[in-house]
């Protein structure tokens, strides 16, 4: 993990607010947009149920939740 990647993960985990809980990726996400992946996940979110999806640099990145995390929707 590079320093930049570690900082992105830290930013996503510390500032946990999400736009929505959704099972499919939005068609035109904005940079930095976050979602909790719902069930059943499909498309770009397939096999990522309950993860936090963050749109960065034109791609989705996923974080598996940890005990104690809280997110504001």
Protein backbone atom coordinates (compact mmCIF):
# COMPACT_ATOMS: atom_id res chain seq x y z
CA UNK A 1 0.00 0.00 0.00
CA UNK A 2 1.43 3.35 -1.02
CA UNK A 3 1.23 6.41 1.21
CA UNK A 4 -1.39 8.03 -1.04
CA UNK A 5 -3.54 4.87 -0.97
CA UNK A 6 -3.25 4.67 2.83
CA UNK A 7 -4.32 8.31 3.14
CA UNK A 8 -7.36 7.70 0.91
CA UNK A 9 -8.41 4.72 3.02
CA UNK A 10 -7.94 6.74 6.21
CA UNK A 11 -9.98 9.64 4.80
CA UNK A 12 -12.83 7.33 3.79
CA UNK A 13 -12.88 5.55 7.16
CA UNK A 14 -12.59 8.67 9.35
CA UNK A 15 -15.10 10.85 7.47
CA UNK A 16 -17.77 8.20 7.03
CA UNK A 17 -20.78 9.78 5.44
CA UNK A 18 -22.59 8.17 2.54
CA UNK A 19 -25.10 9.36 -0.04
CA UNK A 20 -27.27 6.24 0.22
CA UNK A 21 -27.52 2.51 0.66
CA UNK A 22 -27.80 1.12 -2.85
CA UNK A 23 -27.37 -2.24 -4.56
CA UNK A 24 -26.21 -0.83 -7.92
CA UNK A 25 -23.63 1.84 -8.72
CA UNK A 26 -25.12 5.19 -9.81
CA UNK A 27 -24.84 6.01 -13.51
CA UNK A 28 -22.93 9.28 -13.14
CA UNK A 29 -21.22 9.40 -9.72
CA UNK A 30 -19.35 12.48 -8.56
CA UNK A 31 -15.76 12.35 -7.37
CA UNK A 32 -15.67 11.39 -3.69
CA UNK A 33 -19.24 10.07 -3.65
CA UNK A 34 -19.78 7.22 -1.15
CA UNK A 35 -22.44 4.52 -0.81
CA UNK A 36 -23.05 1.50 1.36
CA UNK A 37 -23.52 -1.44 -0.99
CA UNK A 38 -26.93 -3.02 -0.49
CA UNK A 39 -28.20 -6.55 -1.06
CA UNK A 40 -28.33 -8.00 -3.69
CA UNK A 41 -25.45 -6.07 -5.24
CA UNK A 42 -25.16 -5.84 -9.02
CA UNK A 43 -23.03 -4.28 -11.74
CA UNK A 44 -19.90 -2.56 -10.44
CA UNK A 45 -21.02 -3.40 -6.87
CA UNK A 46 -21.40 -7.16 -7.49
CA UNK A 47 -20.00 -9.32 -4.65
CA UNK A 48 -19.39 -6.22 -2.49
CA UNK A 49 -22.50 -6.37 -0.28
CA UNK A 50 -22.25 -4.23 2.91
CA UNK A 51 -18.95 -2.63 1.80
CA UNK A 52 -18.46 1.12 1.62
CA UNK A 53 -17.99 2.13 -2.03
CA UNK A 54 -16.10 5.35 -2.73
CA UNK A 55 -15.78 6.84 -6.23
CA UNK A 56 -12.20 8.12 -6.66
CA UNK A 57 -10.14 8.87 -9.76
CA UNK A 58 -12.88 7.54 -12.03
CA UNK A 59 -13.23 4.15 -10.33
CA UNK A 60 -15.00 2.55 -7.39
CA UNK A 61 -12.90 1.56 -4.35
CA UNK A 62 -14.32 -0.62 -1.60
CA UNK A 63 -13.75 -0.81 2.15
CA UNK A 64 -14.97 -3.75 4.19
CA UNK A 65 -16.59 -2.44 7.38
CA UNK A 66 -14.98 -3.04 10.76
CA UNK A 67 -16.56 -3.38 14.19
CA UNK A 68 -17.34 0.05 15.62
CA UNK A 69 -17.60 1.96 12.35
CA UNK A 70 -20.49 4.39 12.03
CA UNK A 71 -21.78 6.00 8.90
CA UNK A 72 -24.15 8.92 8.39
CA UNK A 73 -26.58 8.62 5.47
